[in-house]
Amino acid sequence: MTSRNRTLIPTAKQGLDKFKVEVANSIGLTNYESVDKGNLASRDNGLVGGNMVKKMVEDYENKLTTK
């Protein structure tokens, strides 16, 4: 099965990967960078993605309110 997830801005991929590892570490998933994501529970992968979205939305809302 091919992945439909793709980075819309290819130059942002490295930053997103770094952000993903930071979020994983902040929720207690150590060594997230070297772990096979297919062997992680769906809940753990979902927590990382969900927290990434939450932080991105918070950041965007903060930028809107400071303008």
N, C-alpha and C. Protein backbone atom coordinates (compact mmCIF):
# COMPACT_ATOMS: atom_id res chain seq x y z
N MET A 1 0.85 -1.18 0.00
CA MET A 1 0.00 0.00 0.00
C MET A 1 0.89 1.24 0.00
N THR A 2 0.61 2.16 -0.85
CA THR A 2 1.40 3.38 -0.92
C THR A 2 0.86 4.42 0.05
N SER A 3 1.75 5.22 0.54
CA SER A 3 1.36 6.26 1.50
C SER A 3 0.82 7.48 0.77
N ARG A 4 -0.27 8.02 1.27
CA ARG A 4 -0.82 9.24 0.68
C ARG A 4 -0.27 10.47 1.36
N ASN A 5 0.44 10.27 2.47
CA ASN A 5 1.02 11.41 3.17
C ASN A 5 2.21 11.93 2.40
N ARG A 6 2.18 13.20 2.12
CA ARG A 6 3.33 13.81 1.45
C ARG A 6 3.48 15.23 1.97
N THR A 7 4.69 15.69 1.96
CA THR A 7 4.98 17.04 2.40
C THR A 7 4.69 17.99 1.25
N LEU A 8 3.84 18.96 1.48
CA LEU A 8 3.47 19.89 0.41
C LEU A 8 4.64 20.80 0.04
N ILE A 9 5.45 21.14 1.03
CA ILE A 9 6.63 21.96 0.79
C ILE A 9 7.85 21.10 1.12
N PRO A 10 8.51 20.54 0.11
CA PRO A 10 9.60 19.59 0.36
C PRO A 10 10.71 20.13 1.26
N THR A 11 10.96 21.42 1.23
CA THR A 11 12.03 21.97 2.07
C THR A 11 11.65 21.97 3.54
N ALA A 12 10.38 21.75 3.87
CA ALA A 12 9.94 21.73 5.26
C ALA A 12 10.05 20.34 5.89
N LYS A 13 10.34 19.32 5.12
CA LYS A 13 10.37 17.94 5.62
C LYS A 13 11.33 17.77 6.78
N GLN A 14 12.51 18.30 6.69
CA GLN A 14 13.49 18.14 7.76
C GLN A 14 13.00 18.79 9.05
N GLY A 15 12.41 19.95 8.95
CA GLY A 15 11.88 20.63 10.12
C GLY A 15 10.71 19.88 10.74
N LEU A 16 9.85 19.31 9.91
CA LEU A 16 8.73 18.53 10.41
C LEU A 16 9.20 17.26 11.10
N ASP A 17 10.22 16.63 10.56
CA ASP A 17 10.77 15.43 11.19
C ASP A 17 11.36 15.76 12.56
N LYS A 18 12.06 16.88 12.65
CA LYS A 18 12.63 17.31 13.93
C LYS A 18 11.51 17.62 14.93
N PHE A 19 10.48 18.30 14.46
CA PHE A 19 9.33 18.64 15.30
C PHE A 19 8.64 17.37 15.81
N LYS A 20 8.53 16.36 14.94
CA LYS A 20 7.90 15.10 15.31
C LYS A 20 8.68 14.42 16.44
N VAL A 21 9.99 14.42 16.36
CA VAL A 21 10.83 13.82 17.40
C VAL A 21 10.70 14.60 18.70
N GLU A 22 10.68 15.93 18.62
CA GLU A 22 10.53 16.76 19.82
C GLU A 22 9.20 16.47 20.52
N VAL A 23 8.13 16.37 19.75
CA VAL A 23 6.82 16.09 20.32
C VAL A 23 6.81 14.69 20.94
N ALA A 24 7.37 13.71 20.26
CA ALA A 24 7.42 12.34 20.78
C ALA A 24 8.17 12.30 22.11
N ASN A 25 9.28 13.01 22.18
CA ASN A 25 10.05 13.05 23.43
C ASN A 25 9.26 13.74 24.53
N SER A 26 8.51 14.78 24.19
CA SER A 26 7.76 15.51 25.21
C SER A 26 6.61 14.69 25.79
N ILE A 27 6.11 13.71 25.04
CA ILE A 27 5.04 12.86 25.58
C ILE A 27 5.58 11.52 26.10
N GLY A 28 6.91 11.40 26.16
CA GLY A 28 7.52 10.23 26.79
C GLY A 28 7.90 9.09 25.88
N LEU A 29 7.87 9.28 24.58
CA LEU A 29 8.30 8.24 23.65
C LEU A 29 9.78 8.46 23.33
N THR A 30 10.63 7.79 24.05
CA THR A 30 12.07 7.95 23.83
C THR A 30 12.50 7.12 22.63
N ASN A 31 13.56 7.52 22.00
CA ASN A 31 14.13 6.85 20.83
C ASN A 31 13.12 6.75 19.68
N TYR A 32 12.23 7.70 19.58
CA TYR A 32 11.21 7.69 18.53
C TYR A 32 11.83 7.74 17.15
N GLU A 33 12.94 8.43 17.04
CA GLU A 33 13.59 8.60 15.74
C GLU A 33 14.10 7.27 15.18
N SER A 34 14.57 6.38 16.05
CA SER A 34 15.17 5.13 15.58
C SER A 34 14.22 3.94 15.63
N VAL A 35 13.02 4.12 16.17
CA VAL A 35 12.05 3.03 16.29
C VAL A 35 11.30 2.85 14.98
N ASP A 36 11.03 1.59 14.63
CA ASP A 36 10.20 1.30 13.46
C ASP A 36 8.77 1.69 13.80
N LYS A 37 8.25 2.71 13.13
CA LYS A 37 6.92 3.24 13.46
C LYS A 37 5.82 2.21 13.22
N GLY A 38 6.08 1.23 12.36
CA GLY A 38 5.10 0.17 12.11
C GLY A 38 4.94 -0.76 13.30
N ASN A 39 5.93 -0.78 14.19
CA ASN A 39 5.85 -1.63 15.37
C ASN A 39 5.29 -0.90 16.58
N LEU A 40 5.05 0.39 16.46
CA LEU A 40 4.45 1.14 17.55
C LEU A 40 2.93 0.98 17.52
N ALA A 41 2.33 1.12 18.68
CA ALA A 41 0.87 1.05 18.74
C ALA A 41 0.27 2.24 18.00
N SER A 42 -0.89 2.03 17.45
CA SER A 42 -1.59 3.12 16.75
C SER A 42 -1.81 4.30 17.68
N ARG A 43 -2.09 4.00 18.93
CA ARG A 43 -2.31 5.05 19.92
C ARG A 43 -1.07 5.94 20.06
N ASP A 44 0.11 5.33 20.11
CA ASP A 44 1.34 6.11 20.26
C ASP A 44 1.59 6.99 19.04
N ASN A 45 1.43 6.42 17.84
CA ASN A 45 1.61 7.21 16.63
C ASN A 45 0.57 8.32 16.55
N GLY A 46 -0.66 8.02 16.95
CA GLY A 46 -1.72 9.02 16.95
C GLY A 46 -1.47 10.14 17.93
N LEU A 47 -0.90 9.80 19.09
CA LEU A 47 -0.57 10.83 20.07
C LEU A 47 0.46 11.82 19.53
N VAL A 48 1.43 11.30 18.81
CA VAL A 48 2.46 12.18 18.24
C VAL A 48 1.82 13.11 17.22
N GLY A 49 1.08 12.56 16.27
CA GLY A 49 0.44 13.38 15.24
C GLY A 49 -0.56 14.36 15.82
N GLY A 50 -1.36 13.90 16.76
CA GLY A 50 -2.36 14.77 17.38
C GLY A 50 -1.74 15.92 18.14
N ASN A 51 -0.66 15.64 18.87
CA ASN A 51 0.01 16.70 19.60
C ASN A 51 0.73 17.67 18.68
N MET A 52 1.21 17.16 17.54
CA MET A 52 1.82 18.06 16.56
C MET A 52 0.79 19.05 16.05
N VAL A 53 -0.39 18.54 15.68
CA VAL A 53 -1.46 19.41 15.17
C VAL A 53 -1.88 20.41 16.24
N LYS A 54 -2.03 19.94 17.46
CA LYS A 54 -2.43 20.82 18.56
C LYS A 54 -1.44 21.97 18.73
N LYS A 55 -0.15 21.67 18.71
CA LYS A 55 0.87 22.71 18.87
C LYS A 55 0.89 23.66 17.68
N MET A 56 0.68 23.14 16.47
CA MET A 56 0.66 24.01 15.29
C MET A 56 -0.54 24.95 15.33
N VAL A 57 -1.70 24.45 15.76
CA VAL A 57 -2.89 25.29 15.86
C VAL A 57 -2.69 26.35 16.93
N GLU A 58 -2.15 25.97 18.09
CA GLU A 58 -1.89 26.94 19.15
C GLU A 58 -0.94 28.04 18.68
N ASP A 59 0.10 27.65 17.96
CA ASP A 59 1.06 28.62 17.45
C ASP A 59 0.39 29.59 16.47
N TYR A 60 -0.44 29.05 15.59
CA TYR A 60 -1.13 29.89 14.61
C TYR A 60 -2.10 30.85 15.31
N GLU A 61 -2.83 30.34 16.30
CA GLU A 61 -3.77 31.19 17.03
C GLU A 61 -3.02 32.30 17.78
N ASN A 62 -1.88 31.97 18.35
CA ASN A 62 -1.07 32.99 19.04
C ASN A 62 -0.60 34.07 18.07
N LYS A 63 -0.22 33.67 16.88
CA LYS A 63 0.21 34.64 15.87
C LYS A 63 -0.94 35.54 15.44
N LEU A 64 -2.15 34.98 15.38
CA LEU A 64 -3.31 35.79 15.01
C LEU A 64 -3.63 36.83 16.08
N THR A 65 -3.49 36.46 17.33
CA THR A 65 -3.86 37.36 18.41
C THR A 65 -2.79 38.44 18.67
N THR A 66 -1.58 38.23 18.20
CA THR A 66 -0.52 39.23 18.43
C THR A 66 -0.43 40.24 17.30
N LYS A 67 -1.23 40.07 16.25
CA LYS A 67 -1.19 41.02 15.14
C LYS A 67 -1.99 42.24 15.44
